């Protein structure tokens, strides 16, 4: 049973930075590319960022590219998403996802999903 658990969500203020973690029960996690997606109220789920299985290739959405970082720690089976200069438009439920091997940015490509963590940016 594959389980992905997100943590680090909550209430932040405009201009703050956010760090979300995803802990995976997948073993070995090094065989999986990991991604972060988000879904704002009343909108569809959208891609935020991803990192490949070896950690040397990353991808991010154009809307966050200048203020996002994603990295993984194989020893802890975690993937971290950092987002700086938060704005109310970043308010959403953030989801961690995993897929075998190659990096991707499309929802259907990802096999496993976490339950999501709510992030609210207050103005």
PDB file of N, CA and C in Angstrom:
ATOM      1  N   UNK A   1       0.843  -1.186   0.000  1.00  0.00           N
ATOM      2  CA  UNK A   1       0.000   0.000   0.000  1.00  0.00           C
ATOM      3  C   UNK A   1       0.882   1.241   0.000  1.00  0.00           C
ATOM      4  N   UNK A   2       0.739   2.055  -1.021  1.00  0.00           N
ATOM      5  CA  UNK A   2       1.512   3.280  -1.128  1.00  0.00           C
ATOM      6  C   UNK A   2       0.762   4.398  -0.424  1.00  0.00           C
ATOM      7  N   UNK A   3       1.464   5.124   0.405  1.00  0.00           N
ATOM      8  CA  UNK A   3       0.847   6.232   1.117  1.00  0.00           C
ATOM      9  C   UNK A   3       1.724   7.464   1.016  1.00  0.00           C
ATOM     10  N   UNK A   4       1.085   8.579   0.692  1.00  0.00           N
ATOM     11  CA  UNK A   4       1.753   9.870   0.646  1.00  0.00           C
ATOM     12  C   UNK A   4       1.048  10.783   1.649  1.00  0.00           C
ATOM     13  N   UNK A   5       1.813  11.398   2.523  1.00  0.00           N
ATOM     14  CA  UNK A   5       1.225  12.254   3.548  1.00  0.00           C
ATOM     15  C   UNK A   5       1.871  13.627   3.486  1.00  0.00           C
ATOM     16  N   UNK A   6       1.033  14.628   3.220  1.00  0.00           N
ATOM     17  CA  UNK A   6       1.515  16.006   3.161  1.00  0.00           C
ATOM     18  C   UNK A   6       1.457  16.659   4.538  1.00  0.00           C
ATOM     19  N   UNK A   7       2.376  17.575   4.765  1.00  0.00           N
ATOM     20  CA  UNK A   7       2.362  18.343   6.008  1.00  0.00           C
ATOM     21  C   UNK A   7       2.926  19.729   5.754  1.00  0.00           C
ATOM     22  N   UNK A   8       2.630  20.648   6.655  1.00  0.00           N
ATOM     23  CA  UNK A   8       3.173  21.994   6.555  1.00  0.00           C
ATOM     24  C   UNK A   8       2.183  23.038   6.104  1.00  0.00           C
ATOM     25  N   UNK A   9       0.964  22.614   5.799  1.00  0.00           N
ATOM     26  CA  UNK A   9      -0.032  23.590   5.381  1.00  0.00           C
ATOM     27  C   UNK A   9      -0.548  24.409   6.551  1.00  0.00           C
ATOM     28  N   UNK A  10      -1.377  25.375   6.235  1.00  0.00           N
ATOM     29  CA  UNK A  10      -1.953  26.217   7.277  1.00  0.00           C
ATOM     30  C   UNK A  10      -2.196  27.617   6.770  1.00  0.00           C
ATOM     31  N   UNK A  11      -2.216  28.554   7.689  1.00  0.00           N
ATOM     32  CA  UNK A  11      -2.483  29.952   7.358  1.00  0.00           C
ATOM     33  C   UNK A  11      -1.177  30.725   7.290  1.00  0.00           C
ATOM     34  N   UNK A  12      -0.957  31.407   6.193  1.00  0.00           N
ATOM     35  CA  UNK A  12       0.222  32.255   6.033  1.00  0.00           C
ATOM     36  C   UNK A  12      -0.232  33.629   5.582  1.00  0.00           C
ATOM     37  N   UNK A  13       0.655  34.601   5.698  1.00  0.00           N
ATOM     38  CA  UNK A  13       0.322  35.960   5.292  1.00  0.00           C
ATOM     39  C   UNK A  13       0.961  36.290   3.950  1.00  0.00           C
ATOM     40  N   UNK A  14       0.415  37.276   3.312  1.00  0.00           N
ATOM     41  CA  UNK A  14       0.964  37.734   2.030  1.00  0.00           C
ATOM     42  C   UNK A  14       2.441  38.069   2.205  1.00  0.00           C
ATOM     43  N   UNK A  15       3.250  37.564   1.277  1.00  0.00           N
ATOM     44  CA  UNK A  15       4.676  37.812   1.313  1.00  0.00           C
ATOM     45  C   UNK A  15       5.487  36.770   2.059  1.00  0.00           C
ATOM     46  N   UNK A  16       4.798  35.936   2.827  1.00  0.00           N
ATOM     47  CA  UNK A  16       5.490  34.885   3.566  1.00  0.00           C
ATOM     48  C   UNK A  16       5.993  33.804   2.622  1.00  0.00           C
ATOM     49  N   UNK A  17       6.854  32.950   3.163  1.00  0.00           N
ATOM     50  CA  UNK A  17       7.291  31.760   2.447  1.00  0.00           C
ATOM     51  C   UNK A  17       6.635  30.535   3.066  1.00  0.00           C
ATOM     52  N   UNK A  18       6.493  29.508   2.251  1.00  0.00           N
ATOM     53  CA  UNK A  18       5.806  28.288   2.672  1.00  0.00           C
ATOM     54  C   UNK A  18       6.685  27.089   2.373  1.00  0.00           C
ATOM     55  N   UNK A  19       6.678  26.134   3.286  1.00  0.00           N
ATOM     56  CA  UNK A  19       7.402  24.895   3.052  1.00  0.00           C
ATOM     57  C   UNK A  19       6.467  23.731   3.342  1.00  0.00           C
ATOM     58  N   UNK A  20       6.236  22.916   2.334  1.00  0.00           N
ATOM     59  CA  UNK A  20       5.389  21.741   2.466  1.00  0.00           C
ATOM     60  C   UNK A  20       6.242  20.490   2.309  1.00  0.00           C
ATOM     61  N   UNK A  21       5.948  19.501   3.102  1.00  0.00           N
ATOM     62  CA  UNK A  21       6.667  18.230   2.995  1.00  0.00           C
ATOM     63  C   UNK A  21       5.719  17.103   2.645  1.00  0.00           C
ATOM     64  N   UNK A  22       6.243  16.143   1.924  1.00  0.00           N
ATOM     65  CA  UNK A  22       5.495  14.935   1.585  1.00  0.00           C
ATOM     66  C   UNK A  22       6.331  13.745   2.025  1.00  0.00           C
ATOM     67  N   UNK A  23       5.781  12.953   2.896  1.00  0.00           N
ATOM     68  CA  UNK A  23       6.452  11.740   3.345  1.00  0.00           C
ATOM     69  C   UNK A  23       5.809  10.550   2.655  1.00  0.00           C
ATOM     70  N   UNK A  24       6.649   9.737   2.024  1.00  0.00           N
ATOM     71  CA  UNK A  24       6.146   8.638   1.213  1.00  0.00           C
ATOM     72  C   UNK A  24       6.486   7.288   1.830  1.00  0.00           C
ATOM     73  N   UNK A  25       5.536   6.378   1.730  1.00  0.00           N
ATOM     74  CA  UNK A  25       5.785   5.018   2.204  1.00  0.00           C
ATOM     75  C   UNK A  25       6.356   4.147   1.094  1.00  0.00           C
ATOM     76  N   UNK A  26       6.495   4.733  -0.107  1.00  0.00           N
ATOM     77  CA  UNK A  26       7.016   3.989  -1.247  1.00  0.00           C
ATOM     78  C   UNK A  26       8.447   3.557  -0.965  1.00  0.00           C
ATOM     79  N   UNK A  27       8.761   2.336  -1.340  1.00  0.00           N
ATOM     80  CA  UNK A  27      10.122   1.856  -1.141  1.00  0.00           C
ATOM     81  C   UNK A  27      10.586   1.078  -2.367  1.00  0.00           C
ATOM     82  N   UNK A  28      11.717   1.425  -2.952  1.00  0.00           N
ATOM     83  CA  UNK A  28      12.478   2.619  -2.610  1.00  0.00           C
ATOM     84  C   UNK A  28      11.930   3.859  -3.305  1.00  0.00           C
ATOM     85  N   UNK A  29      11.874   4.958  -2.586  1.00  0.00           N
ATOM     86  CA  UNK A  29      11.350   6.198  -3.154  1.00  0.00           C
ATOM     87  C   UNK A  29      12.217   6.696  -4.282  1.00  0.00           C
ATOM     88  N   UNK A  30      13.464   6.249  -4.330  1.00  0.00           N
ATOM     89  CA  UNK A  30      14.388   6.711  -5.360  1.00  0.00           C
ATOM     90  C   UNK A  30      13.965   6.278  -6.760  1.00  0.00           C
ATOM     91  N   UNK A  31      13.017   5.350  -6.883  1.00  0.00           N
ATOM     92  CA  UNK A  31      12.555   4.923  -8.194  1.00  0.00           C
ATOM     93  C   UNK A  31      11.385   5.762  -8.699  1.00  0.00           C
ATOM     94  N   UNK A  32      10.928   6.699  -7.890  1.00  0.00           N
ATOM     95  CA  UNK A  32       9.735   7.457  -8.224  1.00  0.00           C
ATOM     96  C   UNK A  32      10.033   8.934  -8.409  1.00  0.00           C
ATOM     97  N   UNK A  33       9.419   9.506  -9.451  1.00  0.00           N
ATOM     98  CA  UNK A  33       9.393  10.949  -9.577  1.00  0.00           C
ATOM     99  C   UNK A  33       8.225  11.478  -8.762  1.00  0.00           C
ATOM    100  N   UNK A  34       8.409  12.661  -8.188  1.00  0.00           N
ATOM    101  CA  UNK A  34       7.415  13.220  -7.285  1.00  0.00           C
ATOM    102  C   UNK A  34       6.947  14.576  -7.795  1.00  0.00           C
ATOM    103  N   UNK A  35       5.684  14.855  -7.539  1.00  0.00           N
ATOM    104  CA  UNK A  35       5.143  16.128  -7.988  1.00  0.00           C
ATOM    105  C   UNK A  35       4.255  16.768  -6.940  1.00  0.00           C
ATOM    106  N   UNK A  36       4.061  18.056  -7.110  1.00  0.00           N
ATOM    107  CA  UNK A  36       3.116  18.812  -6.290  1.00  0.00           C
ATOM    108  C   UNK A  36       2.094  19.469  -7.212  1.00  0.00           C
ATOM    109  N   UNK A  37       0.853  19.362  -6.813  1.00  0.00           N
ATOM    110  CA  UNK A  37      -0.253  19.981  -7.529  1.00  0.00           C
ATOM    111  C   UNK A  37      -1.068  20.771  -6.513  1.00  0.00           C
ATOM    112  N   UNK A  38      -1.932  21.629  -7.009  1.00  0.00           N
ATOM    113  CA  UNK A  38      -2.798  22.375  -6.097  1.00  0.00           C
ATOM    114  C   UNK A  38      -4.161  22.594  -6.746  1.00  0.00           C
ATOM    115  N   UNK A  39      -5.149  22.787  -5.884  1.00  0.00           N
ATOM    116  CA  UNK A  39      -6.505  23.038  -6.361  1.00  0.00           C
ATOM    117  C   UNK A  39      -7.107  24.163  -5.544  1.00  0.00           C
ATOM    118  N   UNK A  40      -7.326  25.273  -6.203  1.00  0.00           N
ATOM    119  CA  UNK A  40      -7.932  26.425  -5.556  1.00  0.00           C
ATOM    120  C   UNK A  40      -9.453  26.262  -5.526  1.00  0.00           C
ATOM    121  N   UNK A  41     -10.121  26.962  -4.640  1.00  0.00           N
ATOM    122  CA  UNK A  41     -11.584  26.852  -4.546  1.00  0.00           C
ATOM    123  C   UNK A  41     -12.247  27.150  -5.880  1.00  0.00           C
ATOM    124  N   UNK A  42     -13.098  26.239  -6.331  1.00  0.00           N
ATOM    125  CA  UNK A  42     -13.831  26.441  -7.568  1.00  0.00           C
ATOM    126  C   UNK A  42     -13.034  26.245  -8.837  1.00  0.00           C
ATOM    127  N   UNK A  43     -11.805  25.765  -8.717  1.00  0.00           N
ATOM    128  CA  UNK A  43     -10.956  25.579  -9.895  1.00  0.00           C
ATOM    129  C   UNK A  43     -10.466  24.142  -9.986  1.00  0.00           C
ATOM    130  N   UNK A  44      -9.917  23.810 -11.140  1.00  0.00           N
ATOM    131  CA  UNK A  44      -9.376  22.483 -11.336  1.00  0.00           C
ATOM    132  C   UNK A  44      -8.003  22.335 -10.710  1.00  0.00           C
ATOM    133  N   UNK A  45      -7.555  21.106 -10.604  1.00  0.00           N
ATOM    134  CA  UNK A  45      -6.242  20.841 -10.042  1.00  0.00           C
ATOM    135  C   UNK A  45      -5.175  21.212 -11.062  1.00  0.00           C
ATOM    136  N   UNK A  46      -4.116  21.861 -10.596  1.00  0.00           N
ATOM    137  CA  UNK A  46      -3.073  22.302 -11.511  1.00  0.00           C
ATOM    138  C   UNK A  46      -1.685  21.905 -11.010  1.00  0.00           C
ATOM    139  N   UNK A  47      -0.800  21.757 -11.952  1.00  0.00           N
ATOM    140  CA  UNK A  47       0.578  21.391 -11.669  1.00  0.00           C
ATOM    141  C   UNK A  47       1.320  22.556 -11.025  1.00  0.00           C
ATOM    142  N   UNK A  48       2.171  22.250 -10.033  1.00  0.00           N
ATOM    143  CA  UNK A  48       3.012  23.258  -9.404  1.00  0.00           C
ATOM    144  C   UNK A  48       4.481  22.985  -9.699  1.00  0.00           C
ATOM    145  N   UNK A  49       4.958  21.800  -9.319  1.00  0.00           N
ATOM    146  CA  UNK A  49       6.370  21.482  -9.523  1.00  0.00           C
ATOM    147  C   UNK A  49       6.566  19.980  -9.409  1.00  0.00           C
ATOM    148  N   UNK A  50       7.676  19.511  -9.966  1.00  0.00           N
ATOM    149  CA  UNK A  50       8.000  18.090  -9.898  1.00  0.00           C
ATOM    150  C   UNK A  50       9.506  17.913  -9.872  1.00  0.00           C
ATOM    151  N   UNK A  51       9.910  16.753  -9.402  1.00  0.00           N
ATOM    152  CA  UNK A  51      11.328  16.401  -9.356  1.00  0.00           C
ATOM    153  C   UNK A  51      11.466  14.956  -9.781  1.00  0.00           C
ATOM    154  N   UNK A  52      12.493  14.672 -10.555  1.00  0.00           N
ATOM    155  CA  UNK A  52      12.614  13.323 -11.096  1.00  0.00           C
ATOM    156  C   UNK A  52      13.153  12.352 -10.046  1.00  0.00           C
ATOM    157  N   UNK A  53      13.244  11.091 -10.432  1.00  0.00           N
ATOM    158  CA  UNK A  53      13.576  10.038  -9.487  1.00  0.00           C
ATOM    159  C   UNK A  53      14.959  10.205  -8.881  1.00  0.00           C
ATOM    160  N   UNK A  54      15.888  10.779  -9.641  1.00  0.00           N
ATOM    161  CA  UNK A  54      17.247  10.924  -9.127  1.00  0.00           C
ATOM    162  C   UNK A  54      17.506  12.286  -8.502  1.00  0.00           C
ATOM    163  N   UNK A  55      16.551  13.179  -8.622  1.00  0.00           N
ATOM    164  CA  UNK A  55      16.691  14.480  -7.972  1.00  0.00           C
ATOM    165  C   UNK A  55      17.475  15.509  -8.746  1.00  0.00           C
ATOM    166  N   UNK A  56      17.869  15.204  -9.983  1.00  0.00           N
ATOM    167  CA  UNK A  56      18.694  16.151 -10.730  1.00  0.00           C
ATOM    168  C   UNK A  56      17.921  16.900 -11.815  1.00  0.00           C
ATOM    169  N   UNK A  57      16.651  16.610 -11.931  1.00  0.00           N
ATOM    170  CA  UNK A  57      15.813  17.320 -12.896  1.00  0.00           C
ATOM    171  C   UNK A  57      14.553  17.796 -12.182  1.00  0.00           C
ATOM    172  N   UNK A  58      14.253  19.062 -12.350  1.00  0.00           N
ATOM    173  CA  UNK A  58      13.028  19.611 -11.779  1.00  0.00           C
ATOM    174  C   UNK A  58      12.237  20.337 -12.850  1.00  0.00           C
ATOM    175  N   UNK A  59      10.967  20.490 -12.572  1.00  0.00           N
ATOM    176  CA  UNK A  59      10.078  21.191 -13.478  1.00  0.00           C
ATOM    177  C   UNK A  59       9.092  21.989 -12.637  1.00  0.00           C
ATOM    178  N   UNK A  60       8.665  23.115 -13.140  1.00  0.00           N
ATOM    179  CA  UNK A  60       7.695  23.906 -12.392  1.00  0.00           C
ATOM    180  C   UNK A  60       6.791  24.674 -13.333  1.00  0.00           C
ATOM    181  N   UNK A  61       5.640  25.033 -12.821  1.00  0.00           N
ATOM    182  CA  UNK A  61       4.681  25.810 -13.588  1.00  0.00           C
ATOM    183  C   UNK A  61       5.191  27.226 -13.791  1.00  0.00           C
ATOM    184  N   UNK A  62       4.862  27.791 -14.923  1.00  0.00           N
ATOM    185  CA  UNK A  62       5.286  29.149 -15.213  1.00  0.00           C
ATOM    186  C   UNK A  62       4.785  30.169 -14.215  1.00  0.00           C
ATOM    187  N   UNK A  63       3.646  29.877 -13.598  1.00  0.00           N
ATOM    188  CA  UNK A  63       3.058  30.830 -12.663  1.00  0.00           C
ATOM    189  C   UNK A  63       3.825  30.928 -11.353  1.00  0.00           C
ATOM    190  N   UNK A  64       4.665  29.939 -11.053  1.00  0.00           N
ATOM    191  CA  UNK A  64       5.410  29.951  -9.783  1.00  0.00           C
ATOM    192  C   UNK A  64       6.908  29.803  -9.987  1.00  0.00           C
ATOM    193  N   UNK A  65       7.354  29.704 -11.214  1.00  0.00           N
ATOM    194  CA  UNK A  65       8.739  29.315 -11.518  1.00  0.00           C
ATOM    195  C   UNK A  65       9.771  30.175 -10.780  1.00  0.00           C
ATOM    196  N   UNK A  66       9.521  31.463 -10.669  1.00  0.00           N
ATOM    197  CA  UNK A  66      10.523  32.355 -10.088  1.00  0.00           C
ATOM    198  C   UNK A  66      10.572  32.290  -8.566  1.00  0.00           C
ATOM    199  N   UNK A  67       9.644  31.589  -7.951  1.00  0.00           N
ATOM    200  CA  UNK A  67       9.596  31.586  -6.488  1.00  0.00           C
ATOM    201  C   UNK A  67       9.373  30.200  -5.904  1.00  0.00           C
ATOM    202  N   UNK A  68       9.655  29.161  -6.650  1.00  0.00           N
ATOM    203  CA  UNK A  68       9.433  27.800  -6.172  1.00  0.00           C
ATOM    204  C   UNK A  68      10.740  27.017  -6.132  1.00  0.00           C
ATOM    205  N   UNK A  69      10.826  26.123  -5.178  1.00  0.00           N
ATOM    206  CA  UNK A  69      11.937  25.177  -5.119  1.00  0.00           C
ATOM    207  C   UNK A  69      11.372  23.830  -4.693  1.00  0.00           C
ATOM    208  N   UNK A  70      11.934  22.771  -5.257  1.00  0.00           N
ATOM    209  CA  UNK A  70      11.515  21.429  -4.890  1.00  0.00           C
ATOM    210  C   UNK A  70      12.762  20.576  -4.747  1.00  0.00           C
ATOM    211  N   UNK A  71      12.819  19.786  -3.692  1.00  0.00           N
ATOM    212  CA  UNK A  71      13.969  18.905  -3.502  1.00  0.00           C
ATOM    213  C   UNK A  71      13.521  17.681  -2.713  1.00  0.00           C
ATOM    214  N   UNK A  72      14.363  16.665  -2.752  1.00  0.00           N
ATOM    215  CA  UNK A  72      13.994  15.412  -2.108  1.00  0.00           C
ATOM    216  C   UNK A  72      15.125  14.929  -1.223  1.00  0.00           C
ATOM    217  N   UNK A  73      14.745  14.166  -0.211  1.00  0.00           N
ATOM    218  CA  UNK A  73      15.693  13.566   0.719  1.00  0.00           C
ATOM    219  C   UNK A  73      15.401  12.075   0.758  1.00  0.00           C
ATOM    220  N   UNK A  74      16.236  11.317   0.072  1.00  0.00           N
ATOM    221  CA  UNK A  74      16.017   9.876   0.002  1.00  0.00           C
ATOM    222  C   UNK A  74      16.169   9.167   1.328  1.00  0.00           C
ATOM    223  N   UNK A  75      16.977   9.731   2.210  1.00  0.00           N
ATOM    224  CA  UNK A  75      17.180   9.089   3.508  1.00  0.00           C
ATOM    225  C   UNK A  75      15.943   9.189   4.388  1.00  0.00           C
ATOM    226  N   UNK A  76      15.126  10.213   4.131  1.00  0.00           N
ATOM    227  CA  UNK A  76      13.923  10.420   4.933  1.00  0.00           C
ATOM    228  C   UNK A  76      12.650  10.126   4.150  1.00  0.00           C
ATOM    229  N   UNK A  77      12.793   9.723   2.889  1.00  0.00           N
ATOM    230  CA  UNK A  77      11.632   9.472   2.042  1.00  0.00           C
ATOM    231  C   UNK A  77      10.706  10.680   1.970  1.00  0.00           C
ATOM    232  N   UNK A  78      11.299  11.863   1.829  1.00  0.00           N
ATOM    233  CA  UNK A  78      10.487  13.071   1.781  1.00  0.00           C
ATOM    234  C   UNK A  78      10.800  13.903   0.544  1.00  0.00           C
ATOM    235  N   UNK A  79       9.796  14.657   0.132  1.00  0.00           N
ATOM    236  CA  UNK A  79       9.953  15.643  -0.921  1.00  0.00           C
ATOM    237  C   UNK A  79       9.394  16.950  -0.383  1.00  0.00           C
ATOM    238  N   UNK A  80      10.138  18.005  -0.551  1.00  0.00           N
ATOM    239  CA  UNK A  80       9.756  19.302  -0.003  1.00  0.00           C
ATOM    240  C   UNK A  80       9.499  20.310  -1.107  1.00  0.00           C
ATOM    241  N   UNK A  81       8.420  21.052  -0.944  1.00  0.00           N
ATOM    242  CA  UNK A  81       8.079  22.150  -1.846  1.00  0.00           C
ATOM    243  C   UNK A  81       8.199  23.442  -1.062  1.00  0.00           C
ATOM    244  N   UNK A  82       8.954  24.369  -1.587  1.00  0.00           N
ATOM    245  CA  UNK A  82       9.071  25.691  -0.976  1.00  0.00           C
ATOM    246  C   UNK A  82       8.548  26.737  -1.956  1.00  0.00           C
ATOM    247  N   UNK A  83       7.717  27.611  -1.440  1.00  0.00           N
ATOM    248  CA  UNK A  83       7.108  28.644  -2.269  1.00  0.00           C
ATOM    249  C   UNK A  83       7.263  29.972  -1.539  1.00  0.00           C
ATOM    250  N   UNK A  84       7.878  30.935  -2.179  1.00  0.00           N
ATOM    251  CA  UNK A  84       8.131  32.219  -1.525  1.00  0.00           C
ATOM    252  C   UNK A  84       7.147  33.274  -2.010  1.00  0.00           C
ATOM    253  N   UNK A  85       7.153  34.404  -1.322  1.00  0.00           N
ATOM    254  CA  UNK A  85       6.329  35.553  -1.694  1.00  0.00           C
ATOM    255  C   UNK A  85       4.876  35.141  -1.983  1.00  0.00           C
ATOM    256  N   UNK A  86       4.277  34.534  -1.004  1.00  0.00           N
ATOM    257  CA  UNK A  86       2.925  34.016  -1.161  1.00  0.00           C
ATOM    258  C   UNK A  86       1.917  35.141  -1.366  1.00  0.00           C
ATOM    259  N   UNK A  87       0.908  34.833  -2.189  1.00  0.00           N
ATOM    260  CA  UNK A  87      -0.179  35.779  -2.439  1.00  0.00           C
ATOM    261  C   UNK A  87      -1.508  35.051  -2.262  1.00  0.00           C
ATOM    262  N   UNK A  88      -2.611  35.784  -2.153  1.00  0.00           N
ATOM    263  CA  UNK A  88      -3.910  35.119  -1.999  1.00  0.00           C
ATOM    264  C   UNK A  88      -4.211  34.137  -3.126  1.00  0.00           C
ATOM    265  N   UNK A  89      -3.627  34.351  -4.292  1.00  0.00           N
ATOM    266  CA  UNK A  89      -3.839  33.437  -5.427  1.00  0.00           C
ATOM    267  C   UNK A  89      -3.205  32.064  -5.187  1.00  0.00           C
ATOM    268  N   UNK A  90      -2.348  31.971  -4.194  1.00  0.00           N
ATOM    269  CA  UNK A  90      -1.727  30.680  -3.854  1.00  0.00           C
ATOM    270  C   UNK A  90      -2.594  29.864  -2.895  1.00  0.00           C
ATOM    271  N   UNK A  91      -3.693  30.434  -2.446  1.00  0.00           N
ATOM    272  CA  UNK A  91      -4.599  29.699  -1.570  1.00  0.00           C
ATOM    273  C   UNK A  91      -5.176  28.499  -2.308  1.00  0.00           C
ATOM    274  N   UNK A  92      -4.974  27.316  -1.737  1.00  0.00           N
ATOM    275  CA  UNK A  92      -5.405  26.089  -2.408  1.00  0.00           C
ATOM    276  C   UNK A  92      -5.144  24.896  -1.499  1.00  0.00           C
ATOM    277  N   UNK A  93      -5.678  23.761  -1.895  1.00  0.00           N
ATOM    278  CA  UNK A  93      -5.266  22.498  -1.298  1.00  0.00           C
ATOM    279  C   UNK A  93      -4.098  21.987  -2.128  1.00  0.00           C
ATOM    280  N   UNK A  94      -2.996  21.685  -1.449  1.00  0.00           N
ATOM    281  CA  UNK A  94      -1.791  21.233  -2.128  1.00  0.00           C
ATOM    282  C   UNK A  94      -1.657  19.715  -1.983  1.00  0.00           C
ATOM    283  N   UNK A  95      -1.418  19.063  -3.118  1.00  0.00           N
ATOM    284  CA  UNK A  95      -1.338  17.612  -3.162  1.00  0.00           C
ATOM    285  C   UNK A  95       0.043  17.145  -3.592  1.00  0.00           C
ATOM    286  N   UNK A  96       0.501  16.111  -2.947  1.00  0.00           N
ATOM    287  CA  UNK A  96       1.726  15.416  -3.337  1.00  0.00           C
ATOM    288  C   UNK A  96       1.336  14.217  -4.190  1.00  0.00           C
ATOM    289  N   UNK A  97       2.159  13.913  -5.195  1.00  0.00           N
ATOM    290  CA  UNK A  97       1.865  12.789  -6.070  1.00  0.00           C
ATOM    291  C   UNK A  97       3.151  12.084  -6.465  1.00  0.00           C
ATOM    292  N   UNK A  98       3.024  10.820  -6.864  1.00  0.00           N
ATOM    293  CA  UNK A  98       4.202  10.033  -7.233  1.00  0.00           C
ATOM    294  C   UNK A  98       3.917   9.219  -8.481  1.00  0.00           C
ATOM    295  N   UNK A  99       4.962   8.988  -9.267  1.00  0.00           N
ATOM    296  CA  UNK A  99       4.878   8.152 -10.459  1.00  0.00           C
ATOM    297  C   UNK A  99       6.202   7.460 -10.650  1.00  0.00           C
ATOM    298  N   UNK A 100       6.144   6.364 -11.395  1.00  0.00           N
ATOM    299  CA  UNK A 100       7.373   5.636 -11.674  1.00  0.00           C
ATOM    300  C   UNK A 100       8.284   6.404 -12.614  1.00  0.00           C
ATOM    301  N   UNK A 101       9.562   6.366 -12.306  1.00  0.00           N
ATOM    302  CA  UNK A 101      10.603   6.826 -13.190  1.00  0.00           C
ATOM    303  C   UNK A 101      10.489   8.263 -13.649  1.00  0.00           C
ATOM    304  N   UNK A 102      10.161   8.483 -14.923  1.00  0.00           N
ATOM    305  CA  UNK A 102      10.378   9.770 -15.554  1.00  0.00           C
ATOM    306  C   UNK A 102       9.502  10.875 -14.979  1.00  0.00           C
ATOM    307  N   UNK A 103      10.063  12.069 -14.935  1.00  0.00           N
ATOM    308  CA  UNK A 103       9.365  13.245 -14.441  1.00  0.00           C
ATOM    309  C   UNK A 103       8.212  13.594 -15.374  1.00  0.00           C
ATOM    310  N   UNK A 104       7.169  14.167 -14.816  1.00  0.00           N
ATOM    311  CA  UNK A 104       6.010  14.554 -15.607  1.00  0.00           C
ATOM    312  C   UNK A 104       5.322  15.739 -14.940  1.00  0.00           C
ATOM    313  N   UNK A 105       4.398  16.366 -15.690  1.00  0.00           N
ATOM    314  CA  UNK A 105       3.653  17.489 -15.123  1.00  0.00           C
ATOM    315  C   UNK A 105       2.159  17.373 -15.370  1.00  0.00           C
ATOM    316  N   UNK A 106       1.721  16.190 -15.739  1.00  0.00           N
ATOM    317  CA  UNK A 106       0.322  15.988 -16.066  1.00  0.00           C
ATOM    318  C   UNK A 106      -0.347  15.107 -15.020  1.00  0.00           C
ATOM    319  N   UNK A 107      -1.534  15.481 -14.607  1.00  0.00           N
ATOM    320  CA  UNK A 107      -2.238  14.731 -13.573  1.00  0.00           C
ATOM    321  C   UNK A 107      -2.393  13.252 -13.904  1.00  0.00           C
ATOM    322  N   UNK A 108      -2.819  12.878 -15.105  1.00  0.00           N
ATOM    323  CA  UNK A 108      -3.025  11.452 -15.399  1.00  0.00           C
ATOM    324  C   UNK A 108      -1.746  10.617 -15.319  1.00  0.00           C
ATOM    325  N   UNK A 109      -0.583  11.255 -15.390  1.00  0.00           N
ATOM    326  CA  UNK A 109       0.673  10.500 -15.350  1.00  0.00           C
ATOM    327  C   UNK A 109       1.009   9.995 -13.957  1.00  0.00           C
ATOM    328  N   UNK A 110       0.413  10.604 -12.944  1.00  0.00           N
ATOM    329  CA  UNK A 110       0.773  10.263 -11.576  1.00  0.00           C
ATOM    330  C   UNK A 110      -0.153   9.188 -11.029  1.00  0.00           C
ATOM    331  N   UNK A 111       0.462   8.173 -10.440  1.00  0.00           N
ATOM    332  CA  UNK A 111      -0.273   7.002  -9.992  1.00  0.00           C
ATOM    333  C   UNK A 111      -0.793   7.135  -8.565  1.00  0.00           C
ATOM    334  N   UNK A 112      -0.030   7.803  -7.735  1.00  0.00           N
ATOM    335  CA  UNK A 112      -0.361   7.851  -6.311  1.00  0.00           C
ATOM    336  C   UNK A 112      -0.511   9.291  -5.849  1.00  0.00           C
ATOM    337  N   UNK A 113      -1.478   9.493  -4.957  1.00  0.00           N
ATOM    338  CA  UNK A 113      -1.802  10.840  -4.492  1.00  0.00           C
ATOM    339  C   UNK A 113      -1.988  10.860  -2.987  1.00  0.00           C
ATOM    340  N   UNK A 114      -1.566  11.978  -2.395  1.00  0.00           N
ATOM    341  CA  UNK A 114      -1.867  12.200  -0.989  1.00  0.00           C
ATOM    342  C   UNK A 114      -3.251  12.788  -0.825  1.00  0.00           C
ATOM    343  N   UNK A 115      -3.643  12.999   0.412  1.00  0.00           N
ATOM    344  CA  UNK A 115      -4.962  13.538   0.715  1.00  0.00           C
ATOM    345  C   UNK A 115      -5.015  15.054   0.592  1.00  0.00           C
ATOM    346  N   UNK A 116      -3.873  15.681   0.558  1.00  0.00           N
ATOM    347  CA  UNK A 116      -3.822  17.123   0.397  1.00  0.00           C
ATOM    348  C   UNK A 116      -3.706  17.862   1.720  1.00  0.00           C
ATOM    349  N   UNK A 117      -3.141  19.063   1.650  1.00  0.00           N
ATOM    350  CA  UNK A 117      -3.040  19.925   2.816  1.00  0.00           C
ATOM    351  C   UNK A 117      -3.469  21.334   2.425  1.00  0.00           C
ATOM    352  N   UNK A 118      -4.291  21.934   3.249  1.00  0.00           N
ATOM    353  CA  UNK A 118      -4.842  23.248   2.932  1.00  0.00           C
ATOM    354  C   UNK A 118      -3.833  24.343   3.231  1.00  0.00           C
ATOM    355  N   UNK A 119      -3.678  25.245   2.283  1.00  0.00           N
ATOM    356  CA  UNK A 119      -2.853  26.433   2.473  1.00  0.00           C
ATOM    357  C   UNK A 119      -3.736  27.644   2.207  1.00  0.00           C
ATOM    358  N   UNK A 120      -3.794  28.533   3.170  1.00  0.00           N
ATOM    359  CA  UNK A 120      -4.583  29.744   3.026  1.00  0.00           C
ATOM    360  C   UNK A 120      -3.686  30.955   3.235  1.00  0.00           C
ATOM    361  N   UNK A 121      -3.734  31.855   2.278  1.00  0.00           N
ATOM    362  CA  UNK A 121      -2.922  33.067   2.357  1.00  0.00           C
ATOM    363  C   UNK A 121      -3.846  34.230   2.688  1.00  0.00           C
ATOM    364  N   UNK A 122      -3.596  34.851   3.798  1.00  0.00           N
ATOM    365  CA  UNK A 122      -4.455  35.953   4.235  1.00  0.00           C
ATOM    366  C   UNK A 122      -3.853  37.280   3.824  1.00  0.00           C
ATOM    367  N   UNK A 123      -4.747  38.180   3.443  1.00  0.00           N
ATOM    368  CA  UNK A 123      -4.298  39.507   3.046  1.00  0.00           C
ATOM    369  C   UNK A 123      -4.626  40.530   4.132  1.00  0.00           C
TER     370      UNK A 123
END
